[in-house]
Amino acid sequence: MSDFYSERQVKKTRKDHRCFGCREKLPKGSTVFYIAGTNADGFTSCYLCIPCKEWIDRNPGEVDDEWREGDVGDARRQEEREVTR
């Protein structure tokens, strides 16, 4: 459980970033979410693309402190494959 948590939408990034959820490049000028917080490991922050943030919002019980970079993108792609079957 996080002692501190903050998220905000960044309307237009000033430089390139990488989405923590799916590892996709977020080019300068992208609309993204910036997430920051603290936990047992200390302070952490990341950027999320809109599709990853929306997936997390739809699946709040799926994501926990054990998730690693790219896991949300993998889960999104798995869900898409299951829907198209």
PDB file of N, CA and C in Angstrom:
ATOM      1  N   MET A   1       0.837  -1.178   0.000  1.00  0.00           N
ATOM      2  CA  MET A   1       0.000   0.000   0.000  1.00  0.00           C
ATOM      3  C   MET A   1       0.879   1.237   0.000  1.00  0.00           C
ATOM      4  N   SER A   2       0.527   2.190  -0.798  1.00  0.00           N
ATOM      5  CA  SER A   2       1.299   3.404  -0.953  1.00  0.00           C
ATOM      6  C   SER A   2       1.004   4.403   0.169  1.00  0.00           C
ATOM      7  N   ASP A   3       2.046   5.049   0.678  1.00  0.00           N
ATOM      8  CA  ASP A   3       1.877   6.106   1.675  1.00  0.00           C
ATOM      9  C   ASP A   3       1.476   7.411   1.007  1.00  0.00           C
ATOM     10  N   PHE A   4       1.887   7.593  -0.217  1.00  0.00           N
ATOM     11  CA  PHE A   4       1.590   8.796  -0.996  1.00  0.00           C
ATOM     12  C   PHE A   4       1.276   8.374  -2.413  1.00  0.00           C
ATOM     13  N   TYR A   5       0.248   8.953  -3.001  1.00  0.00           N
ATOM     14  CA  TYR A   5      -0.121   8.632  -4.381  1.00  0.00           C
ATOM     15  C   TYR A   5      -0.669   9.889  -5.032  1.00  0.00           C
ATOM     16  N   SER A   6      -0.221  10.169  -6.236  1.00  0.00           N
ATOM     17  CA  SER A   6      -0.701  11.318  -6.984  1.00  0.00           C
ATOM     18  C   SER A   6      -0.735  10.960  -8.465  1.00  0.00           C
ATOM     19  N   GLU A   7      -1.784  11.376  -9.138  1.00  0.00           N
ATOM     20  CA  GLU A   7      -1.832  11.204 -10.586  1.00  0.00           C
ATOM     21  C   GLU A   7      -2.404  12.466 -11.203  1.00  0.00           C
ATOM     22  N   ARG A   8      -1.890  12.805 -12.361  1.00  0.00           N
ATOM     23  CA  ARG A   8      -2.417  13.973 -13.072  1.00  0.00           C
ATOM     24  C   ARG A   8      -2.270  13.750 -14.566  1.00  0.00           C
ATOM     25  N   GLN A   9      -3.173  14.347 -15.295  1.00  0.00           N
ATOM     26  CA  GLN A   9      -3.101  14.251 -16.744  1.00  0.00           C
ATOM     27  C   GLN A   9      -2.228  15.390 -17.256  1.00  0.00           C
ATOM     28  N   VAL A  10      -1.279  15.029 -18.096  1.00  0.00           N
ATOM     29  CA  VAL A  10      -0.407  16.011 -18.747  1.00  0.00           C
ATOM     30  C   VAL A  10      -0.946  16.176 -20.157  1.00  0.00           C
ATOM     31  N   LYS A  11      -1.418  17.361 -20.479  1.00  0.00           N
ATOM     32  CA  LYS A  11      -2.054  17.606 -21.776  1.00  0.00           C
ATOM     33  C   LYS A  11      -1.068  17.547 -22.941  1.00  0.00           C
ATOM     34  N   LYS A  12       0.171  17.968 -22.691  1.00  0.00           N
ATOM     35  CA  LYS A  12       1.163  18.027 -23.772  1.00  0.00           C
ATOM     36  C   LYS A  12       2.554  17.903 -23.162  1.00  0.00           C
ATOM     37  N   THR A  13       3.190  16.738 -23.360  1.00  0.00           N
ATOM     38  CA  THR A  13       4.524  16.533 -22.787  1.00  0.00           C
ATOM     39  C   THR A  13       5.552  17.427 -23.472  1.00  0.00           C
ATOM     40  N   ARG A  14       6.580  17.791 -22.715  1.00  0.00           N
ATOM     41  CA  ARG A  14       7.634  18.645 -23.264  1.00  0.00           C
ATOM     42  C   ARG A  14       8.781  17.852 -23.875  1.00  0.00           C
ATOM     43  N   LYS A  15       8.804  16.541 -23.599  1.00  0.00           N
ATOM     44  CA  LYS A  15       9.843  15.691 -24.186  1.00  0.00           C
ATOM     45  C   LYS A  15       9.293  14.278 -24.352  1.00  0.00           C
ATOM     46  N   ASP A  16      10.053  13.416 -24.988  1.00  0.00           N
ATOM     47  CA  ASP A  16       9.650  12.024 -25.169  1.00  0.00           C
ATOM     48  C   ASP A  16       9.680  11.281 -23.831  1.00  0.00           C
ATOM     49  N   HIS A  17       8.759  10.347 -23.668  1.00  0.00           N
ATOM     50  CA  HIS A  17       8.725   9.471 -22.499  1.00  0.00           C
ATOM     51  C   HIS A  17       8.406   8.068 -22.986  1.00  0.00           C
ATOM     52  N   ARG A  18       8.375   7.108 -22.083  1.00  0.00           N
ATOM     53  CA  ARG A  18       7.983   5.749 -22.396  1.00  0.00           C
ATOM     54  C   ARG A  18       6.873   5.356 -21.423  1.00  0.00           C
ATOM     55  N   CYS A  19       5.820   4.741 -21.953  1.00  0.00           N
ATOM     56  CA  CYS A  19       4.702   4.299 -21.119  1.00  0.00           C
ATOM     57  C   CYS A  19       5.156   3.130 -20.253  1.00  0.00           C
ATOM     58  N   PHE A  20       4.939   3.230 -18.951  1.00  0.00           N
ATOM     59  CA  PHE A  20       5.282   2.143 -18.045  1.00  0.00           C
ATOM     60  C   PHE A  20       4.395   0.928 -18.296  1.00  0.00           C
ATOM     61  N   GLY A  21       3.150   1.172 -18.692  1.00  0.00           N
ATOM     62  CA  GLY A  21       2.193   0.086 -18.887  1.00  0.00           C
ATOM     63  C   GLY A  21       2.507  -0.809 -20.066  1.00  0.00           C
ATOM     64  N   CYS A  22       2.893  -0.203 -21.198  1.00  0.00           N
ATOM     65  CA  CYS A  22       3.080  -1.000 -22.419  1.00  0.00           C
ATOM     66  C   CYS A  22       4.451  -0.814 -23.076  1.00  0.00           C
ATOM     67  N   ARG A  23       5.290   0.043 -22.515  1.00  0.00           N
ATOM     68  CA  ARG A  23       6.637   0.303 -23.041  1.00  0.00           C
ATOM     69  C   ARG A  23       6.650   1.041 -24.374  1.00  0.00           C
ATOM     70  N   GLU A  24       5.499   1.527 -24.830  1.00  0.00           N
ATOM     71  CA  GLU A  24       5.459   2.262 -26.097  1.00  0.00           C
ATOM     72  C   GLU A  24       6.050   3.653 -25.902  1.00  0.00           C
ATOM     73  N   LYS A  25       6.670   4.167 -26.954  1.00  0.00           N
ATOM     74  CA  LYS A  25       7.224   5.517 -26.920  1.00  0.00           C
ATOM     75  C   LYS A  25       6.076   6.513 -26.902  1.00  0.00           C
ATOM     76  N   LEU A  26       6.188   7.515 -26.030  1.00  0.00           N
ATOM     77  CA  LEU A  26       5.232   8.608 -25.950  1.00  0.00           C
ATOM     78  C   LEU A  26       5.956   9.856 -26.450  1.00  0.00           C
ATOM     79  N   PRO A  27       5.728  10.230 -27.704  1.00  0.00           N
ATOM     80  CA  PRO A  27       6.496  11.342 -28.271  1.00  0.00           C
ATOM     81  C   PRO A  27       6.157  12.694 -27.644  1.00  0.00           C
ATOM     82  N   LYS A  28       7.073  13.600 -27.748  1.00  0.00           N
ATOM     83  CA  LYS A  28       6.881  14.974 -27.288  1.00  0.00           C
ATOM     84  C   LYS A  28       5.538  15.480 -27.816  1.00  0.00           C
ATOM     85  N   GLY A  29       4.760  16.129 -26.948  1.00  0.00           N
ATOM     86  CA  GLY A  29       3.459  16.649 -27.337  1.00  0.00           C
ATOM     87  C   GLY A  29       2.297  15.713 -27.070  1.00  0.00           C
ATOM     88  N   SER A  30       2.573  14.532 -26.504  1.00  0.00           N
ATOM     89  CA  SER A  30       1.527  13.545 -26.213  1.00  0.00           C
ATOM     90  C   SER A  30       0.726  13.938 -24.971  1.00  0.00           C
ATOM     91  N   THR A  31      -0.518  13.480 -24.923  1.00  0.00           N
ATOM     92  CA  THR A  31      -1.327  13.565 -23.712  1.00  0.00           C
ATOM     93  C   THR A  31      -1.118  12.261 -22.959  1.00  0.00           C
ATOM     94  N   VAL A  32      -0.688  12.354 -21.707  1.00  0.00           N
ATOM     95  CA  VAL A  32      -0.353  11.179 -20.894  1.00  0.00           C
ATOM     96  C   VAL A  32      -0.821  11.401 -19.463  1.00  0.00           C
ATOM     97  N   PHE A  33      -0.683  10.362 -18.642  1.00  0.00           N
ATOM     98  CA  PHE A  33      -0.895  10.483 -17.208  1.00  0.00           C
ATOM     99  C   PHE A  33       0.439  10.317 -16.512  1.00  0.00           C
ATOM    100  N   TYR A  34       0.718  11.194 -15.565  1.00  0.00           N
ATOM    101  CA  TYR A  34       1.913  11.107 -14.737  1.00  0.00           C
ATOM    102  C   TYR A  34       1.474  10.595 -13.373  1.00  0.00           C
ATOM    103  N   ILE A  35       2.061   9.479 -12.945  1.00  0.00           N
ATOM    104  CA  ILE A  35       1.728   8.848 -11.672  1.00  0.00           C
ATOM    105  C   ILE A  35       2.969   8.902 -10.780  1.00  0.00           C
ATOM    106  N   ALA A  36       2.781   9.307  -9.526  1.00  0.00           N
ATOM    107  CA  ALA A  36       3.896   9.352  -8.575  1.00  0.00           C
ATOM    108  C   ALA A  36       3.405   8.830  -7.232  1.00  0.00           C
ATOM    109  N   GLY A  37       4.309   8.229  -6.490  1.00  0.00           N
ATOM    110  CA  GLY A  37       3.927   7.742  -5.174  1.00  0.00           C
ATOM    111  C   GLY A  37       5.098   7.148  -4.424  1.00  0.00           C
ATOM    112  N   THR A  38       4.831   6.770  -3.196  1.00  0.00           N
ATOM    113  CA  THR A  38       5.839   6.101  -2.380  1.00  0.00           C
ATOM    114  C   THR A  38       5.278   4.772  -1.909  1.00  0.00           C
ATOM    115  N   ASN A  39       6.180   3.840  -1.681  1.00  0.00           N
ATOM    116  CA  ASN A  39       5.813   2.546  -1.112  1.00  0.00           C
ATOM    117  C   ASN A  39       7.022   2.034  -0.342  1.00  0.00           C
ATOM    118  N   ALA A  40       7.066   0.773  -0.030  1.00  0.00           N
ATOM    119  CA  ALA A  40       8.170   0.204   0.747  1.00  0.00           C
ATOM    120  C   ALA A  40       9.520   0.393   0.059  1.00  0.00           C
ATOM    121  N   ASP A  41       9.502   0.502  -1.277  1.00  0.00           N
ATOM    122  CA  ASP A  41      10.748   0.670  -2.034  1.00  0.00           C
ATOM    123  C   ASP A  41      11.174   2.127  -2.155  1.00  0.00           C
ATOM    124  N   GLY A  42      10.383   3.063  -1.686  1.00  0.00           N
ATOM    125  CA  GLY A  42      10.698   4.483  -1.775  1.00  0.00           C
ATOM    126  C   GLY A  42       9.825   5.187  -2.793  1.00  0.00           C
ATOM    127  N   PHE A  43      10.287   6.328  -3.296  1.00  0.00           N
ATOM    128  CA  PHE A  43       9.538   7.128  -4.254  1.00  0.00           C
ATOM    129  C   PHE A  43       9.614   6.497  -5.645  1.00  0.00           C
ATOM    130  N   THR A  44       8.515   6.530  -6.351  1.00  0.00           N
ATOM    131  CA  THR A  44       8.482   6.036  -7.723  1.00  0.00           C
ATOM    132  C   THR A  44       7.563   6.919  -8.553  1.00  0.00           C
ATOM    133  N   SER A  45       7.841   7.003  -9.845  1.00  0.00           N
ATOM    134  CA  SER A  45       6.980   7.756 -10.749  1.00  0.00           C
ATOM    135  C   SER A  45       7.047   7.126 -12.132  1.00  0.00           C
ATOM    136  N   CYS A  46       5.997   7.357 -12.909  1.00  0.00           N
ATOM    137  CA  CYS A  46       5.967   6.821 -14.262  1.00  0.00           C
ATOM    138  C   CYS A  46       4.957   7.590 -15.100  1.00  0.00           C
ATOM    139  N   TYR A  47       5.004   7.341 -16.385  1.00  0.00           N
ATOM    140  CA  TYR A  47       4.036   7.893 -17.331  1.00  0.00           C
ATOM    141  C   TYR A  47       3.217   6.745 -17.894  1.00  0.00           C
ATOM    142  N   LEU A  48       1.926   6.996 -18.128  1.00  0.00           N
ATOM    143  CA  LEU A  48       1.044   6.012 -18.748  1.00  0.00           C
ATOM    144  C   LEU A  48       0.356   6.635 -19.953  1.00  0.00           C
ATOM    145  N   CYS A  49       0.265   5.863 -21.033  1.00  0.00           N
ATOM    146  CA  CYS A  49      -0.504   6.311 -22.191  1.00  0.00           C
ATOM    147  C   CYS A  49      -1.989   6.216 -21.849  1.00  0.00           C
ATOM    148  N   ILE A  50      -2.822   6.860 -22.633  1.00  0.00           N
ATOM    149  CA  ILE A  50      -4.263   6.875 -22.387  1.00  0.00           C
ATOM    150  C   ILE A  50      -4.855   5.455 -22.395  1.00  0.00           C
ATOM    151  N   PRO A  51      -4.540   4.597 -23.397  1.00  0.00           N
ATOM    152  CA  PRO A  51      -5.120   3.242 -23.375  1.00  0.00           C
ATOM    153  C   PRO A  51      -4.750   2.437 -22.132  1.00  0.00           C
ATOM    154  N   CYS A  52      -3.521   2.540 -21.654  1.00  0.00           N
ATOM    155  CA  CYS A  52      -3.126   1.804 -20.447  1.00  0.00           C
ATOM    156  C   CYS A  52      -3.852   2.354 -19.221  1.00  0.00           C
ATOM    157  N   LYS A  53      -3.959   3.666 -19.108  1.00  0.00           N
ATOM    158  CA  LYS A  53      -4.668   4.272 -17.978  1.00  0.00           C
ATOM    159  C   LYS A  53      -6.135   3.858 -17.994  1.00  0.00           C
ATOM    160  N   GLU A  54      -6.766   3.857 -19.156  1.00  0.00           N
ATOM    161  CA  GLU A  54      -8.166   3.442 -19.264  1.00  0.00           C
ATOM    162  C   GLU A  54      -8.328   1.973 -18.885  1.00  0.00           C
ATOM    163  N   TRP A  55      -7.384   1.114 -19.294  1.00  0.00           N
ATOM    164  CA  TRP A  55      -7.457  -0.307 -18.942  1.00  0.00           C
ATOM    165  C   TRP A  55      -7.363  -0.485 -17.420  1.00  0.00           C
ATOM    166  N   ILE A  56      -6.437   0.236 -16.798  1.00  0.00           N
ATOM    167  CA  ILE A  56      -6.283   0.151 -15.343  1.00  0.00           C
ATOM    168  C   ILE A  56      -7.565   0.617 -14.650  1.00  0.00           C
ATOM    169  N   ASP A  57      -8.164   1.687 -15.149  1.00  0.00           N
ATOM    170  CA  ASP A  57      -9.403   2.190 -14.550  1.00  0.00           C
ATOM    171  C   ASP A  57     -10.537   1.172 -14.676  1.00  0.00           C
ATOM    172  N   ARG A  58     -10.577   0.425 -15.779  1.00  0.00           N
ATOM    173  CA  ARG A  58     -11.616  -0.599 -15.979  1.00  0.00           C
ATOM    174  C   ARG A  58     -11.344  -1.871 -15.185  1.00  0.00           C
ATOM    175  N   ASN A  59     -10.095  -2.100 -14.809  1.00  0.00           N
ATOM    176  CA  ASN A  59      -9.678  -3.333 -14.128  1.00  0.00           C
ATOM    177  C   ASN A  59      -8.902  -3.013 -12.849  1.00  0.00           C
ATOM    178  N   PRO A  60      -9.512  -2.310 -11.906  1.00  0.00           N
ATOM    179  CA  PRO A  60      -8.750  -1.845 -10.736  1.00  0.00           C
ATOM    180  C   PRO A  60      -8.183  -2.958  -9.862  1.00  0.00           C
ATOM    181  N   GLY A  61      -8.810  -4.106  -9.821  1.00  0.00           N
ATOM    182  CA  GLY A  61      -8.318  -5.188  -8.986  1.00  0.00           C
ATOM    183  C   GLY A  61      -7.181  -5.980  -9.604  1.00  0.00           C
ATOM    184  N   GLU A  62      -6.883  -5.732 -10.863  1.00  0.00           N
ATOM    185  CA  GLU A  62      -5.857  -6.503 -11.577  1.00  0.00           C
ATOM    186  C   GLU A  62      -4.438  -6.022 -11.298  1.00  0.00           C
ATOM    187  N   VAL A  63      -4.256  -4.754 -11.051  1.00  0.00           N
ATOM    188  CA  VAL A  63      -2.917  -4.165 -10.934  1.00  0.00           C
ATOM    189  C   VAL A  63      -2.558  -4.010  -9.460  1.00  0.00           C
ATOM    190  N   ASP A  64      -1.370  -4.465  -9.105  1.00  0.00           N
ATOM    191  CA  ASP A  64      -0.886  -4.310  -7.735  1.00  0.00           C
ATOM    192  C   ASP A  64       0.598  -3.942  -7.757  1.00  0.00           C
ATOM    193  N   ASP A  65       1.223  -3.912  -6.607  1.00  0.00           N
ATOM    194  CA  ASP A  65       2.636  -3.517  -6.503  1.00  0.00           C
ATOM    195  C   ASP A  65       3.591  -4.481  -7.183  1.00  0.00           C
ATOM    196  N   GLU A  66       3.129  -5.668  -7.531  1.00  0.00           N
ATOM    197  CA  GLU A  66       3.985  -6.678  -8.158  1.00  0.00           C
ATOM    198  C   GLU A  66       4.095  -6.513  -9.676  1.00  0.00           C
ATOM    199  N   TRP A  67       3.252  -5.680 -10.275  1.00  0.00           N
ATOM    200  CA  TRP A  67       3.278  -5.511 -11.730  1.00  0.00           C
ATOM    201  C   TRP A  67       4.551  -4.803 -12.139  1.00  0.00           C
ATOM    202  N   ARG A  68       5.073  -5.229 -13.282  1.00  0.00           N
ATOM    203  CA  ARG A  68       6.310  -4.652 -13.801  1.00  0.00           C
ATOM    204  C   ARG A  68       6.043  -3.903 -15.099  1.00  0.00           C
ATOM    205  N   GLU A  69       7.057  -3.192 -15.533  1.00  0.00           N
ATOM    206  CA  GLU A  69       6.942  -2.417 -16.768  1.00  0.00           C
ATOM    207  C   GLU A  69       6.502  -3.320 -17.922  1.00  0.00           C
ATOM    208  N   GLY A  70       5.477  -2.906 -18.630  1.00  0.00           N
ATOM    209  CA  GLY A  70       4.982  -3.641 -19.788  1.00  0.00           C
ATOM    210  C   GLY A  70       3.845  -4.602 -19.480  1.00  0.00           C
ATOM    211  N   ASP A  71       3.593  -4.901 -18.210  1.00  0.00           N
ATOM    212  CA  ASP A  71       2.564  -5.879 -17.850  1.00  0.00           C
ATOM    213  C   ASP A  71       1.157  -5.430 -18.246  1.00  0.00           C
ATOM    214  N   VAL A  72       0.863  -4.149 -18.142  1.00  0.00           N
ATOM    215  CA  VAL A  72      -0.471  -3.665 -18.514  1.00  0.00           C
ATOM    216  C   VAL A  72      -0.676  -3.835 -20.017  1.00  0.00           C
ATOM    217  N   GLY A  73       0.330  -3.522 -20.797  1.00  0.00           N
ATOM    218  CA  GLY A  73       0.234  -3.713 -22.250  1.00  0.00           C
ATOM    219  C   GLY A  73       0.020  -5.168 -22.612  1.00  0.00           C
ATOM    220  N   ASP A  74       0.733  -6.065 -21.926  1.00  0.00           N
ATOM    221  CA  ASP A  74       0.543  -7.500 -22.163  1.00  0.00           C
ATOM    222  C   ASP A  74      -0.891  -7.921 -21.831  1.00  0.00           C
ATOM    223  N   ALA A  75      -1.421  -7.431 -20.718  1.00  0.00           N
ATOM    224  CA  ALA A  75      -2.795  -7.763 -20.325  1.00  0.00           C
ATOM    225  C   ALA A  75      -3.805  -7.176 -21.314  1.00  0.00           C
ATOM    226  N   ARG A  76      -3.551  -5.964 -21.787  1.00  0.00           N
ATOM    227  CA  ARG A  76      -4.444  -5.344 -22.786  1.00  0.00           C
ATOM    228  C   ARG A  76      -4.471  -6.162 -24.071  1.00  0.00           C
ATOM    229  N   ARG A  77      -3.300  -6.582 -24.542  1.00  0.00           N
ATOM    230  CA  ARG A  77      -3.235  -7.367 -25.773  1.00  0.00           C
ATOM    231  C   ARG A  77      -3.911  -8.723 -25.607  1.00  0.00           C
ATOM    232  N   GLN A  78      -3.736  -9.353 -24.445  1.00  0.00           N
ATOM    233  CA  GLN A  78      -4.396 -10.633 -24.157  1.00  0.00           C
ATOM    234  C   GLN A  78      -5.912 -10.453 -24.184  1.00  0.00           C
ATOM    235  N   GLU A  79      -6.388  -9.398 -23.570  1.00  0.00           N
ATOM    236  CA  GLU A  79      -7.828  -9.115 -23.553  1.00  0.00           C
ATOM    237  C   GLU A  79      -8.355  -8.905 -24.969  1.00  0.00           C
ATOM    238  N   GLU A  80      -7.599  -8.184 -25.790  1.00  0.00           N
ATOM    239  CA  GLU A  80      -7.999  -7.940 -27.183  1.00  0.00           C
ATOM    240  C   GLU A  80      -8.067  -9.243 -27.967  1.00  0.00           C
ATOM    241  N   ARG A  81      -7.097 -10.144 -27.743  1.00  0.00           N
ATOM    242  CA  ARG A  81      -7.109 -11.437 -28.425  1.00  0.00           C
ATOM    243  C   ARG A  81      -8.338 -12.257 -28.035  1.00  0.00           C
ATOM    244  N   GLU A  82      -8.688 -12.222 -26.758  1.00  0.00           N
ATOM    245  CA  GLU A  82      -9.841 -12.973 -26.271  1.00  0.00           C
ATOM    246  C   GLU A  82     -11.149 -12.428 -26.836  1.00  0.00           C
ATOM    247  N   VAL A  83     -11.228 -11.130 -27.018  1.00  0.00           N
ATOM    248  CA  VAL A  83     -12.433 -10.499 -27.550  1.00  0.00           C
ATOM    249  C   VAL A  83     -12.618 -10.839 -29.021  1.00  0.00           C
ATOM    250  N   THR A  84     -11.520 -10.943 -29.770  1.00  0.00           N
ATOM    251  CA  THR A  84     -11.608 -11.207 -31.208  1.00  0.00           C
ATOM    252  C   THR A  84     -11.847 -12.678 -31.538  1.00  0.00           C
ATOM    253  N   ARG A  85     -11.783 -13.549 -30.550  1.00  0.00           N
ATOM    254  CA  ARG A  85     -12.000 -14.988 -30.787  1.00  0.00           C
ATOM    255  C   ARG A  85     -13.467 -15.282 -30.955  1.00  0.00           C
TER     256      ARG A  85
END
